[in-house]
N, C-alpha and C. Protein backbone atom coordinates (compact mmCIF):
# COMPACT_ATOMS: atom_id res chain seq x y z
N UNK A 1 1.08 -1.60 -0.07
CA UNK A 1 0.10 -0.20 -0.06
C UNK A 1 1.11 1.32 -0.30
N UNK A 2 0.29 1.91 -0.70
CA UNK A 2 1.20 3.83 -1.04
C UNK A 2 0.77 4.33 0.10
N UNK A 3 1.67 5.06 0.62
CA UNK A 3 1.62 6.08 1.79
C UNK A 3 1.60 6.99 1.21
N UNK A 4 0.26 8.41 2.62
CA UNK A 4 0.16 9.40 1.21
C UNK A 4 0.71 10.34 2.71
N UNK A 5 0.14 11.44 2.60
CA UNK A 5 0.65 12.84 3.60
C UNK A 5 -1.12 13.39 3.15
N UNK A 6 -0.79 13.86 4.81
CA UNK A 6 -2.74 14.77 4.63
C UNK A 6 -1.58 16.08 5.75
N UNK A 7 -2.52 17.30 5.68
CA UNK A 7 -2.07 18.34 6.23
C UNK A 7 -2.72 18.63 7.33
N UNK A 8 -2.15 18.67 8.21
CA UNK A 8 -2.94 19.24 9.70
C UNK A 8 -2.08 20.68 9.82
N UNK A 9 -2.49 20.97 11.20
CA UNK A 9 -2.29 21.65 12.40
C UNK A 9 -0.87 21.59 13.00
N UNK A 10 0.06 22.37 13.20
CA UNK A 10 1.09 21.78 13.65
C UNK A 10 1.39 21.40 15.39
N UNK A 11 0.21 22.10 15.83
CA UNK A 11 -0.45 21.62 17.19
C UNK A 11 -1.23 20.32 17.33
N UNK A 12 -1.36 20.18 16.20
CA UNK A 12 -2.29 19.04 15.61
C UNK A 12 -0.99 17.39 15.64
N UNK A 13 -0.41 17.65 14.90
CA UNK A 13 0.95 16.72 14.54
C UNK A 13 1.56 16.51 15.76
N UNK A 14 1.93 17.96 16.14
CA UNK A 14 2.79 17.57 17.57
C UNK A 14 1.90 16.62 18.80
N UNK A 15 0.55 16.83 19.33
CA UNK A 15 -0.48 15.86 19.74
C UNK A 15 -0.63 14.78 19.63
N UNK A 16 -0.60 14.54 17.46
CA UNK A 16 -0.35 12.92 17.23
C UNK A 16 0.50 12.23 17.75
N UNK A 17 2.16 12.72 17.35
CA UNK A 17 2.91 12.52 18.02
C UNK A 17 3.24 12.00 19.68
N UNK A 18 2.65 13.06 20.04
CA UNK A 18 2.56 12.61 21.64
C UNK A 18 1.87 11.69 21.69
N UNK A 19 0.25 11.31 20.74
CA UNK A 19 -0.25 10.11 21.80
C UNK A 19 0.39 9.00 21.22
N UNK A 20 0.99 9.23 20.01
CA UNK A 20 1.46 7.85 19.40
C UNK A 20 2.73 6.85 20.72
N UNK A 21 3.74 7.95 20.50
CA UNK A 21 4.42 7.95 21.13
C UNK A 21 4.12 6.78 23.02
N UNK A 22 3.07 7.23 23.58
CA UNK A 22 2.86 7.12 24.56
C UNK A 22 2.17 5.36 24.32
N UNK A 23 1.89 5.07 23.13
CA UNK A 23 1.40 3.99 23.10
C UNK A 23 2.47 2.95 22.63
N UNK A 24 3.39 3.44 22.23
CA UNK A 24 4.70 2.76 21.75
C UNK A 24 3.76 2.23 19.73
N UNK A 25 4.03 3.22 19.78
CA UNK A 25 3.71 3.14 18.20
C UNK A 25 3.79 4.54 17.10
N UNK A 26 4.07 4.03 15.90
CA UNK A 26 3.93 5.33 14.96
C UNK A 26 2.63 6.31 15.23
N UNK A 27 3.02 7.35 14.29
CA UNK A 27 1.55 7.98 14.21
C UNK A 27 0.84 7.72 12.85
N UNK A 28 1.29 6.48 12.01
CA UNK A 28 1.00 6.14 10.47
C UNK A 28 0.01 5.05 11.41
N UNK A 29 0.36 4.20 12.47
CA UNK A 29 -0.41 3.10 12.65
C UNK A 29 -1.99 4.01 13.72
N UNK A 30 -1.41 4.91 14.70
CA UNK A 30 -2.17 5.36 15.33
C UNK A 30 -3.42 5.59 14.87
N UNK A 31 -3.21 6.55 13.80
CA UNK A 31 -4.30 7.17 12.49
C UNK A 31 -4.61 6.33 11.83
N UNK A 32 -4.17 4.93 11.57
CA UNK A 32 -4.93 3.44 11.22
C UNK A 32 -5.65 3.27 12.08
N UNK A 33 -5.14 2.93 13.55
CA UNK A 33 -6.70 2.60 14.42
C UNK A 33 -7.22 3.52 15.00
N UNK A 34 -7.12 4.87 15.15
CA UNK A 34 -8.36 5.97 14.80
C UNK A 34 -9.45 5.24 14.09
N UNK A 35 -8.74 5.38 12.48
CA UNK A 35 -9.61 4.94 11.75
C UNK A 35 -10.68 4.27 11.67
N UNK A 36 -10.10 3.45 12.60
CA UNK A 36 -10.42 1.86 12.47
C UNK A 36 -11.53 1.35 13.22
N UNK A 37 -11.57 2.57 14.30
CA UNK A 37 -12.62 2.34 15.66
C UNK A 37 -13.10 3.51 15.43
N UNK A 38 -13.27 4.33 14.69
CA UNK A 38 -14.26 5.50 14.67
C UNK A 38 -15.34 4.98 13.75
N UNK A 39 -16.69 4.59 13.77
CA UNK A 39 -17.57 4.14 12.85
C UNK A 39 -18.28 5.86 11.96
N UNK A 40 -18.68 5.23 11.31
CA UNK A 40 -19.40 6.17 10.17
C UNK A 40 -20.49 6.21 10.65
N UNK A 41 -21.57 7.52 10.02
CA UNK A 41 -22.51 7.79 10.59
C UNK A 41 -23.65 6.46 10.15
N UNK A 42 -23.37 5.72 8.53
CA UNK A 42 -24.28 4.67 8.69
C UNK A 42 -24.00 3.44 9.16
N UNK A 43 -22.48 3.20 9.61
CA UNK A 43 -22.14 2.39 10.61
C UNK A 43 -23.05 2.24 12.29
N UNK A 44 -22.84 3.73 12.76
CA UNK A 44 -24.26 3.68 13.53
C UNK A 44 -25.06 3.72 13.28
N UNK A 45 -25.88 4.12 12.30
CA UNK A 45 -27.50 3.73 12.07
C UNK A 45 -27.19 2.31 11.81
N UNK A 46 -26.58 1.34 11.11
CA UNK A 46 -27.10 0.26 11.08
C UNK A 46 -26.46 -0.85 12.37
N UNK A 47 -25.61 -0.28 13.35
CA UNK A 47 -25.73 -0.72 15.07
C UNK A 47 -26.57 -0.14 15.51
N UNK A 48 -27.55 0.70 15.44
CA UNK A 48 -28.68 1.73 16.23
C UNK A 48 -29.95 0.41 15.79
N UNK A 49 -29.73 0.41 14.23
CA UNK A 49 -30.93 -0.31 13.86
C UNK A 49 -31.35 -2.10 14.56
N UNK A 50 -29.72 -2.56 14.80
CA UNK A 50 -29.74 -3.71 14.87
C UNK A 50 -29.81 -4.01 16.28
N UNK A 51 -29.80 -3.42 17.51
CA UNK A 51 -29.66 -3.14 18.89
C UNK A 51 -31.49 -2.89 18.95
N UNK A 52 -31.78 -2.15 18.17
CA UNK A 52 -33.18 -2.21 18.65
C UNK A 52 -34.09 -3.13 18.48
N UNK A 53 -33.84 -3.83 17.27
CA UNK A 53 -34.00 -5.14 16.67
C UNK A 53 -33.72 -6.66 18.18
N UNK A 54 -32.63 -6.00 17.77
CA UNK A 54 -32.12 -7.25 19.49
C UNK A 54 -33.07 -6.57 20.39
N UNK A 55 -33.47 -5.67 20.85
CA UNK A 55 -34.74 -5.32 22.19
C UNK A 55 -35.80 -5.84 21.65
N UNK A 56 -36.56 -5.64 20.71
CA UNK A 56 -37.47 -6.24 20.45
C UNK A 56 -37.89 -7.98 20.79
N UNK A 57 -36.42 -8.22 19.87
CA UNK A 57 -36.38 -9.95 20.43
C UNK A 57 -36.22 -10.28 21.48
N UNK A 58 -35.35 -9.93 22.03
CA UNK A 58 -34.86 -10.94 23.32
C UNK A 58 -35.85 -10.33 24.88
N UNK A 59 -36.43 -8.65 24.71
CA UNK A 59 -36.69 -8.10 25.58
C UNK A 59 -37.92 -7.78 25.25
N UNK A 60 -38.54 -7.74 24.28
CA UNK A 60 -40.15 -7.49 24.18
C UNK A 60 -40.17 -5.99 23.96
N UNK A 61 -39.29 -5.28 24.13
CA UNK A 61 -38.95 -3.84 23.99
C UNK A 61 -39.15 -3.09 22.52
N UNK A 62 -40.25 -2.36 22.47
CA UNK A 62 -40.40 -1.49 21.34
C UNK A 62 -40.06 -0.51 21.07
N UNK A 63 -38.74 0.07 20.50
CA UNK A 63 -38.47 1.19 21.07
C UNK A 63 -39.42 2.13 18.99
N UNK A 64 -39.82 3.55 19.99
CA UNK A 64 -40.34 4.27 19.05
C UNK A 64 -39.13 5.38 18.90
N UNK A 65 -39.70 6.44 18.17
CA UNK A 65 -39.07 7.53 17.46
C UNK A 65 -38.91 8.59 18.74
N UNK A 66 -40.22 8.60 19.55
CA UNK A 66 -40.19 10.15 20.84
C UNK A 66 -39.21 8.99 21.53
N UNK A 67 -38.87 7.19 21.57
CA UNK A 67 -37.80 6.91 23.32
C UNK A 67 -36.68 7.77 22.90
N UNK A 68 -36.70 7.31 21.63
CA UNK A 68 -35.34 8.00 20.53
C UNK A 68 -35.18 8.87 20.95
N UNK A 69 -35.65 9.86 20.90
CA UNK A 69 -35.31 11.51 20.74
C UNK A 69 -35.03 11.93 22.78
N UNK A 70 -35.61 10.91 22.92
CA UNK A 70 -36.07 11.27 24.35
C UNK A 70 -34.12 10.64 24.76
N UNK A 71 -33.79 9.48 24.87
CA UNK A 71 -32.47 8.98 25.31
C UNK A 71 -31.49 10.11 24.47
N UNK A 72 -31.92 10.46 23.07
CA UNK A 72 -30.94 11.58 22.43
C UNK A 72 -30.41 12.80 23.65
N UNK A 73 -32.11 13.17 23.96
CA UNK A 73 -31.90 14.24 24.64
C UNK A 73 -30.99 14.16 26.03
N UNK A 74 -31.29 13.10 27.13
CA UNK A 74 -30.38 12.69 27.68
C UNK A 74 -29.08 12.59 27.73
N UNK A 75 -28.59 12.60 26.75
CA UNK A 75 -27.30 12.10 26.24
C UNK A 75 -26.99 13.52 26.24
N UNK A 76 -26.87 14.63 25.79
CA UNK A 76 -27.34 15.72 24.89
C UNK A 76 -26.46 16.90 26.13
N UNK A 77 -28.05 16.33 27.52
CA UNK A 77 -28.16 17.39 28.57
C UNK A 77 -26.68 16.82 29.20
N UNK A 78 -26.41 15.36 29.81
CA UNK A 78 -25.37 14.56 30.08
C UNK A 78 -23.91 14.94 29.95
N UNK A 79 -23.53 15.60 28.58
CA UNK A 79 -22.58 16.26 27.69
C UNK A 79 -22.62 17.37 27.93
N UNK A 80 -23.23 18.45 28.22
CA UNK A 80 -23.73 19.81 28.65
C UNK A 80 -23.80 19.70 30.21
N UNK A 81 -23.23 18.90 30.58
CA UNK A 81 -23.76 18.79 32.59
C UNK A 81 -24.58 19.46 33.12
N UNK A 82 -25.71 19.37 32.05
CA UNK A 82 -27.09 19.57 32.60
C UNK A 82 -27.83 18.45 33.30
N UNK A 83 -28.70 18.52 34.32
CA UNK A 83 -29.24 17.92 35.35
C UNK A 83 -30.43 17.08 34.41
N UNK A 84 -30.41 16.01 34.81
CA UNK A 84 -31.02 14.69 33.70
C UNK A 84 -32.66 14.13 34.21
N UNK A 85 -33.31 14.41 33.54
CA UNK A 85 -34.58 13.75 34.13
C UNK A 85 -34.47 12.61 33.14
N UNK A 86 -35.87 11.68 34.49
CA UNK A 86 -35.67 10.15 34.65
C UNK A 86 -36.16 10.08 33.19
N UNK A 87 -35.49 8.86 32.66
CA UNK A 87 -36.06 8.59 31.41
C UNK A 87 -37.52 7.79 31.73
């Protein structure tokens, strides 16, 4: 496989270098690991649908769009440090 280059700010490059060193790997390997571990939007949607189907099959739980929207709001509130209402 042929290598290529990417342009990033020097601060980003330096941080990647530190992260790679701390893990005992090259920046190339670190970026490959990151790309492999980060799901695409399509992969996340497929994972969501599979999880929803599993819950319906094994637990008899039918998740609605309203349930999904409420759960998303809880995550957003948690990430923002806001108080979270019970689901």
